[in-house]
């Protein structure tokens, strides 16, 4: 009976995600019905003729703008939520995320250096800024782990969180100094740090999808270790889990997922906090289900947030990071205090 209820919940989550994606690609300045969406998809994928009433501009809006943008939003939400679920379990802290390790601060600093310096490399073209942000974000995490392991060979949670917070504050101070010194780039720096999916194309979606699939597969391979480590390091070690090695590898994986998401879209908060908590309430704490469902729910939530970001004040667009904060903060409080009341 319990497995049947879980199966129904999974089907409901999949249906919810499908509905959100249909709304995300169908609503906007030019609204498209599900029938028109399917007709355009069959035309692009299988070469079928378009029925009457569908113009070339509708095809371009759906295929070249909305689908890549919605796909990027869904994939980034999945990556952030999956990363958040892993870090919360590893550090046994409901408020922890990869941002705690300094990924967002490092990526923001790398992007800021490219923006204020105006450096260009024709061989990389539009990938230069996200690649620099990714390298800086991952380097920040590696520095946090290096400092933590030098102080604590067992990589205990409080040591990692402490160094992550210290380094994040230090990097943010450098970023603030850059913003003040190059005030002419202030608006662009602020917008990048608030997150946006504007201008995302199929190339971005393809890169993000490859990283997301690989990261999800590798992370789910550690579901047993995560189940055991969530009960404590001593219990996990007593059944043969190499906690230090598993924690290090999983922190790197979650940081890669977060770094890739941040470097392409900017800093987007609350998804990695709220989605894993919601999934734990719906599906329980088993990571075999928690990890993929966190990715699914987080992706749908961010796709919905991006839809609101571009339609609420249309034609003006709200930074998606502001929307996730407005929606995520009360949602997170509801989930957190609701679980405490049940306890």
Protein backbone atom coordinates (compact mmCIF):
# COMPACT_ATOMS: atom_id res chain seq x y z
CA UNK A 1 0.00 0.00 0.00
CA UNK A 2 2.81 2.38 0.86
CA UNK A 3 4.57 1.68 -2.45
CA UNK A 4 1.32 2.30 -4.29
CA UNK A 5 0.90 5.70 -2.61
CA UNK A 6 4.50 6.56 -3.47
CA UNK A 7 3.87 5.57 -7.08
CA UNK A 8 0.81 7.82 -7.24
CA UNK A 9 2.79 10.70 -5.78
CA UNK A 10 5.53 10.20 -8.38
CA UNK A 11 2.96 10.17 -11.20
CA UNK A 12 1.38 13.33 -9.77
CA UNK A 13 4.77 15.05 -9.65
CA UNK A 14 5.46 14.08 -13.27
CA UNK A 15 2.02 15.35 -14.34
CA UNK A 16 2.58 18.61 -12.45
CA UNK A 17 5.94 19.07 -14.20
CA UNK A 18 4.41 18.43 -17.62
CA UNK A 19 1.62 20.97 -16.98
CA UNK A 20 4.14 23.57 -15.81
CA UNK A 21 6.26 23.08 -18.95
CA UNK A 22 3.21 23.41 -21.21
CA UNK A 23 2.29 26.66 -19.45
CA UNK A 24 5.90 27.88 -19.62
CA UNK A 25 6.14 27.49 -23.38
CA UNK A 26 2.53 28.44 -24.14
CA UNK A 27 1.96 31.64 -22.16
CA UNK A 28 3.41 35.04 -22.98
CA UNK A 29 2.83 38.03 -25.23
CA UNK A 30 1.71 35.51 -27.87
CA UNK A 31 -0.28 32.71 -26.24
CA UNK A 32 -0.17 29.27 -27.81
CA UNK A 33 -2.68 26.51 -27.08
CA UNK A 34 -1.49 22.94 -26.37
CA UNK A 35 -2.75 21.94 -29.82
CA UNK A 36 -0.63 24.57 -31.54
CA UNK A 37 2.37 23.62 -29.41
CA UNK A 38 2.06 19.97 -30.47
CA UNK A 39 1.57 20.94 -34.12
CA UNK A 40 4.74 23.06 -34.10
CA UNK A 41 6.70 20.32 -32.33
CA UNK A 42 5.60 17.69 -34.89
CA UNK A 43 6.47 20.12 -37.67
CA UNK A 44 9.99 20.69 -36.33
CA UNK A 45 10.72 17.12 -35.27
CA UNK A 46 8.99 15.06 -37.98
CA UNK A 47 8.48 17.53 -40.82
CA UNK A 48 4.67 17.55 -40.73
CA UNK A 49 2.82 20.40 -42.36
CA UNK A 50 1.53 23.20 -40.16
CA UNK A 51 -2.25 23.60 -39.88
CA UNK A 52 -3.88 26.90 -40.68
CA UNK A 53 -3.65 29.69 -38.13
CA UNK A 54 -0.02 29.03 -37.18
CA UNK A 55 2.35 31.65 -38.52
CA UNK A 56 6.12 31.57 -38.97
CA UNK A 57 6.50 34.00 -36.07
CA UNK A 58 4.66 31.59 -33.75
CA UNK A 59 7.01 28.79 -34.79
CA UNK A 60 10.03 30.98 -34.14
CA UNK A 61 8.74 32.18 -30.76
CA UNK A 62 8.06 28.64 -29.56
CA UNK A 63 11.02 26.77 -31.03
CA UNK A 64 13.79 29.38 -30.84
CA UNK A 65 12.88 31.29 -27.68
CA UNK A 66 10.40 29.69 -25.29
CA UNK A 67 11.31 25.99 -25.41
CA UNK A 68 15.08 26.57 -24.91
CA UNK A 69 14.37 29.07 -22.15
CA UNK A 70 11.88 26.80 -20.35
CA UNK A 71 14.24 23.84 -20.77
CA UNK A 72 17.13 25.81 -19.26
CA UNK A 73 14.95 26.90 -16.34
CA UNK A 74 13.83 23.32 -15.68
CA UNK A 75 17.36 21.88 -15.93
CA UNK A 76 18.89 24.57 -13.71
CA UNK A 77 16.16 24.06 -11.12
CA UNK A 78 16.81 20.32 -11.18
CA UNK A 79 20.56 20.82 -10.72
CA UNK A 80 20.18 23.28 -7.86
CA UNK A 81 17.59 21.16 -6.03
CA UNK A 82 19.58 17.96 -6.42
CA UNK A 83 22.68 19.72 -5.14
CA UNK A 84 20.77 21.15 -2.19
CA UNK A 85 19.39 17.75 -1.22
CA UNK A 86 22.89 16.24 -1.23
CA UNK A 87 24.53 19.02 0.79
CA UNK A 88 21.73 19.11 3.39
CA UNK A 89 22.12 15.38 3.96
CA UNK A 90 25.91 15.47 4.05
CA UNK A 91 26.19 18.41 6.43
CA UNK A 92 23.07 17.41 8.41
CA UNK A 93 21.91 21.01 8.22
CA UNK A 94 18.47 21.94 6.82
CA UNK A 95 19.74 25.40 5.81
CA UNK A 96 22.86 24.18 4.00
CA UNK A 97 23.40 24.28 0.24
CA UNK A 98 26.25 24.46 -2.24
CA UNK A 99 26.01 28.23 -1.89
CA UNK A 100 27.19 27.65 1.69
CA UNK A 101 30.46 26.36 0.23
CA UNK A 102 31.07 29.55 -1.74
CA UNK A 103 30.08 28.39 -5.22
CA UNK A 104 27.88 31.40 -5.95
CA UNK A 105 30.40 33.87 -4.56
CA UNK A 106 33.25 32.42 -6.59
CA UNK A 107 31.18 32.26 -9.77
CA UNK A 108 30.00 35.84 -9.28
CA UNK A 109 33.59 37.01 -8.86
CA UNK A 110 34.68 35.23 -12.04
CA UNK A 111 31.79 36.71 -14.01
CA UNK A 112 32.48 40.17 -12.56
CA UNK A 113 36.12 40.02 -13.68
CA UNK A 114 35.04 39.25 -17.25
CA UNK A 115 32.36 41.96 -17.22
CA UNK A 116 34.50 44.80 -15.85
CA UNK A 117 37.64 43.87 -17.80
CA UNK A 118 35.91 43.43 -21.15
CA UNK A 119 38.10 40.43 -21.98
CA UNK A 120 37.01 38.50 -25.08
CA UNK A 121 38.23 35.27 -26.62
CA UNK A 122 36.83 34.58 -30.10
CA UNK A 123 37.51 30.86 -29.71
CA UNK A 124 35.12 30.66 -26.74
CA UNK A 125 32.68 33.40 -27.78
CA UNK A 126 29.61 33.41 -25.48
CA UNK A 127 31.04 30.59 -23.34
CA UNK A 128 33.82 32.74 -21.90
CA UNK A 129 31.77 34.32 -19.10
CA UNK A 130 30.01 31.11 -17.93
CA UNK A 131 33.24 29.11 -18.18
CA UNK A 132 35.12 31.66 -16.08
CA UNK A 133 32.31 31.71 -13.52
CA UNK A 134 32.32 27.92 -13.36
CA UNK A 135 36.10 27.73 -12.86
CA UNK A 136 36.06 30.38 -10.12
CA UNK A 137 33.09 28.75 -8.37
CA UNK A 138 34.67 25.30 -8.38
CA UNK A 139 38.04 26.73 -7.30
CA UNK A 140 36.34 28.38 -4.32
CA UNK A 141 34.84 25.06 -3.22
CA UNK A 142 38.16 23.26 -3.63
CA UNK A 143 39.82 25.93 -1.51
CA UNK A 144 37.16 25.49 1.18
CA UNK A 145 37.67 21.71 1.19
CA UNK A 146 41.47 22.08 1.18
CA UNK A 147 41.38 24.41 4.20
CA UNK A 148 38.86 22.17 5.96
CA UNK A 149 40.86 18.99 5.48
CA UNK A 150 44.02 20.71 6.68
CA UNK A 151 42.26 21.56 9.93
CA UNK A 152 40.04 18.49 10.24
CA UNK A 153 41.03 15.23 8.53
CA UNK A 154 37.54 13.84 9.02
CA UNK A 155 35.91 16.75 7.12
CA UNK A 156 33.27 17.28 9.78
CA UNK A 157 30.24 19.32 8.85
CA UNK A 158 30.78 22.31 11.11
CA UNK A 159 34.34 22.76 9.80
CA UNK A 160 33.17 22.83 6.17
CA UNK A 161 30.33 25.26 6.92
CA UNK A 162 32.64 27.56 8.87
CA UNK A 163 35.27 27.80 6.12
CA UNK A 164 32.57 28.12 3.47
CA UNK A 165 30.99 31.09 5.23
CA UNK A 166 34.36 32.78 5.85
CA UNK A 167 35.52 32.41 2.26
CA UNK A 168 32.13 33.50 0.90
CA UNK A 169 32.29 36.69 2.93
CA UNK A 170 35.84 37.34 1.76
CA UNK A 171 34.99 36.79 -1.92
CA UNK A 172 31.85 38.93 -1.60
CA UNK A 173 33.99 41.73 -0.18
CA UNK A 174 36.23 41.57 -3.27
CA UNK A 175 33.13 41.59 -5.47
CA UNK A 176 31.77 44.65 -3.68
CA UNK A 177 35.07 46.48 -4.21
CA UNK A 178 34.98 45.65 -7.92
CA UNK A 179 31.41 46.91 -8.19
CA UNK A 180 32.34 50.17 -6.48
CA UNK A 181 35.49 50.66 -8.58
CA UNK A 182 33.68 49.98 -11.89
CA UNK A 183 30.33 51.60 -11.18
CA UNK A 184 29.56 51.85 -14.92
CA UNK A 185 29.03 48.06 -14.88
CA UNK A 186 27.00 48.09 -11.66
CA UNK A 187 23.63 47.38 -13.27
CA UNK A 188 24.91 44.45 -15.30
CA UNK A 189 26.65 42.98 -12.25
CA UNK A 190 23.52 43.28 -10.12
CA UNK A 191 21.29 41.74 -12.80
CA UNK A 192 23.70 38.84 -13.25
CA UNK A 193 23.72 38.16 -9.52
CA UNK A 194 19.90 38.11 -9.44
CA UNK A 195 19.63 35.49 -12.19
CA UNK A 196 17.90 35.48 -15.57
CA UNK A 197 17.09 33.05 -18.39
CA UNK A 198 16.70 35.77 -20.98
CA UNK A 199 18.50 34.95 -24.20
CA UNK A 200 19.04 31.26 -23.40
CA UNK A 201 19.24 29.13 -26.55
CA UNK A 202 19.44 25.47 -27.52
CA UNK A 203 23.22 25.51 -27.10
CA UNK A 204 22.89 26.48 -23.44
CA UNK A 205 20.18 23.87 -22.87
CA UNK A 206 22.32 21.15 -24.45
CA UNK A 207 25.35 21.89 -22.28
CA UNK A 208 23.27 22.11 -19.11
CA UNK A 209 21.40 18.90 -19.94
CA UNK A 210 24.61 16.94 -20.42
CA UNK A 211 26.00 18.12 -17.07
CA UNK A 212 22.67 17.54 -15.32
CA UNK A 213 22.25 13.96 -16.60
CA UNK A 214 25.83 13.00 -15.76
CA UNK A 215 25.70 14.66 -12.33
CA UNK A 216 22.33 13.12 -11.47
CA UNK A 217 23.47 9.63 -12.47
CA UNK A 218 26.70 9.85 -10.47
CA UNK A 219 24.98 11.35 -7.44
CA UNK A 220 22.23 8.70 -7.38
CA UNK A 221 24.93 6.02 -7.27
CA UNK A 222 25.67 7.22 -3.73
CA UNK A 223 22.08 6.94 -2.46
CA UNK A 224 22.96 4.17 0.01
CA UNK A 225 25.91 6.12 1.44
CA UNK A 226 23.72 9.22 1.81
CA UNK A 227 21.06 7.22 3.66
CA UNK A 228 23.64 5.94 6.11
CA UNK A 229 25.53 9.22 6.52
CA UNK A 230 22.33 11.09 7.28
CA UNK A 231 22.16 9.12 10.56
CA UNK A 232 25.65 10.22 11.56
CA UNK A 233 29.27 9.58 10.69
CA UNK A 234 29.84 6.93 13.36
CA UNK A 235 26.89 4.82 12.26
CA UNK A 236 27.95 5.06 8.61
CA UNK A 237 31.55 4.16 9.40
CA UNK A 238 30.46 1.16 11.46
CA UNK A 239 28.91 -0.46 8.37
CA UNK A 240 31.93 0.15 6.16
CA UNK A 241 31.24 3.54 4.56
CA UNK A 242 34.33 5.66 3.92
CA UNK A 243 32.68 8.86 5.11
CA UNK A 244 35.55 11.23 4.29
CA UNK A 245 35.91 9.97 0.71
CA UNK A 246 32.15 9.85 0.08
CA UNK A 247 31.63 13.32 1.53
CA UNK A 248 34.47 14.79 -0.55
CA UNK A 249 33.22 13.24 -3.83
CA UNK A 250 29.60 14.21 -3.19
CA UNK A 251 30.52 17.77 -2.27
CA UNK A 252 32.50 18.06 -5.51
CA UNK A 253 29.58 16.64 -7.52
CA UNK A 254 27.06 18.99 -5.93
CA UNK A 255 29.41 21.93 -6.43
CA UNK A 256 29.84 21.07 -10.12
CA UNK A 257 26.05 20.96 -10.54
CA UNK A 258 25.57 24.28 -8.76
CA UNK A 259 28.54 25.92 -10.47
CA UNK A 260 27.31 24.94 -13.93
CA UNK A 261 23.82 26.23 -13.12
CA UNK A 262 25.03 29.52 -11.66
CA UNK A 263 27.56 30.32 -14.36
CA UNK A 264 24.94 30.18 -17.13
CA UNK A 265 22.08 31.97 -15.37
CA UNK A 266 23.41 33.92 -12.40
CA UNK A 267 22.67 33.36 -8.73
CA UNK A 268 19.20 31.92 -8.04
CA UNK A 269 18.36 31.23 -4.43
CA UNK A 270 15.81 29.28 -2.37
CA UNK A 271 15.29 26.50 -4.95
CA UNK A 272 18.05 24.42 -3.41
CA UNK A 273 16.56 24.96 0.06
CA UNK A 274 12.81 24.69 -0.47
CA UNK A 275 12.51 21.88 -3.04
CA UNK A 276 14.39 19.16 -1.07
CA UNK A 277 12.36 19.94 2.06
CA UNK A 278 9.09 19.67 0.12
CA UNK A 279 10.19 16.35 -1.38
CA UNK A 280 11.14 14.98 2.04
CA UNK A 281 7.65 15.75 3.31
CA UNK A 282 6.00 14.13 0.29
CA UNK A 283 8.24 11.11 -0.33
CA UNK A 284 10.25 10.55 2.85
CA UNK A 285 13.99 10.61 3.46
CA UNK A 286 15.13 7.67 1.32
CA UNK A 287 17.65 9.11 -1.14
CA UNK A 288 16.76 6.55 -3.79
CA UNK A 289 13.56 8.58 -4.30
CA UNK A 290 14.57 11.88 -2.71
CA UNK A 291 17.32 12.69 -5.23
CA UNK A 292 15.41 12.24 -8.52
CA UNK A 293 12.22 13.74 -7.09
CA UNK A 294 14.14 16.79 -5.82
CA UNK A 295 15.42 17.30 -9.35
CA UNK A 296 11.93 16.94 -10.82
CA UNK A 297 10.12 19.22 -8.34
CA UNK A 298 12.93 21.78 -8.34
CA UNK A 299 12.93 21.93 -12.12
CA UNK A 300 9.17 22.45 -12.29
CA UNK A 301 9.28 25.11 -9.57
CA UNK A 302 11.99 27.13 -11.30
CA UNK A 303 10.25 26.84 -14.69
CA UNK A 304 7.11 28.22 -13.02
CA UNK A 305 9.10 31.01 -11.38
CA UNK A 306 10.63 31.98 -14.73
CA UNK A 307 7.17 32.04 -16.30
CA UNK A 308 6.03 34.49 -13.63
CA UNK A 309 9.22 36.53 -14.04
CA UNK A 310 8.52 37.24 -17.70
CA UNK A 311 4.71 37.57 -17.63
CA UNK A 312 3.68 39.33 -14.39
CA UNK A 313 4.96 42.77 -15.44
CA UNK A 314 5.14 42.11 -19.19
CA UNK A 315 6.79 43.52 -21.29
CA UNK A 316 9.18 44.25 -18.39
CA UNK A 317 10.97 41.20 -16.99
CA UNK A 318 11.63 40.56 -13.31
CA UNK A 319 14.90 38.85 -12.33
CA UNK A 320 14.01 35.23 -11.65
CA UNK A 321 16.07 35.29 -8.45
CA UNK A 322 13.66 37.86 -7.02
CA UNK A 323 10.67 35.66 -7.91
CA UNK A 324 12.16 32.55 -6.33
CA UNK A 325 12.89 34.53 -3.17
CA UNK A 326 9.33 35.90 -3.02
CA UNK A 327 7.83 32.45 -3.56
CA UNK A 328 10.50 30.37 -1.87
CA UNK A 329 10.73 32.19 1.46
CA UNK A 330 7.09 31.69 2.58
CA UNK A 331 7.04 28.23 0.98
CA UNK A 332 10.15 27.20 2.90
CA UNK A 333 8.69 28.54 6.15
CA UNK A 334 5.47 26.62 5.52
CA UNK A 335 7.35 23.39 4.86
CA UNK A 336 9.75 23.80 7.78
CA UNK A 337 7.23 24.81 10.46
CA UNK A 338 4.67 22.37 9.10
CA UNK A 339 7.11 19.52 9.63
CA UNK A 340 7.83 20.76 13.18
CA UNK A 341 4.12 20.81 14.00
CA UNK A 342 3.77 17.23 12.76
CA UNK A 343 6.70 16.18 14.91
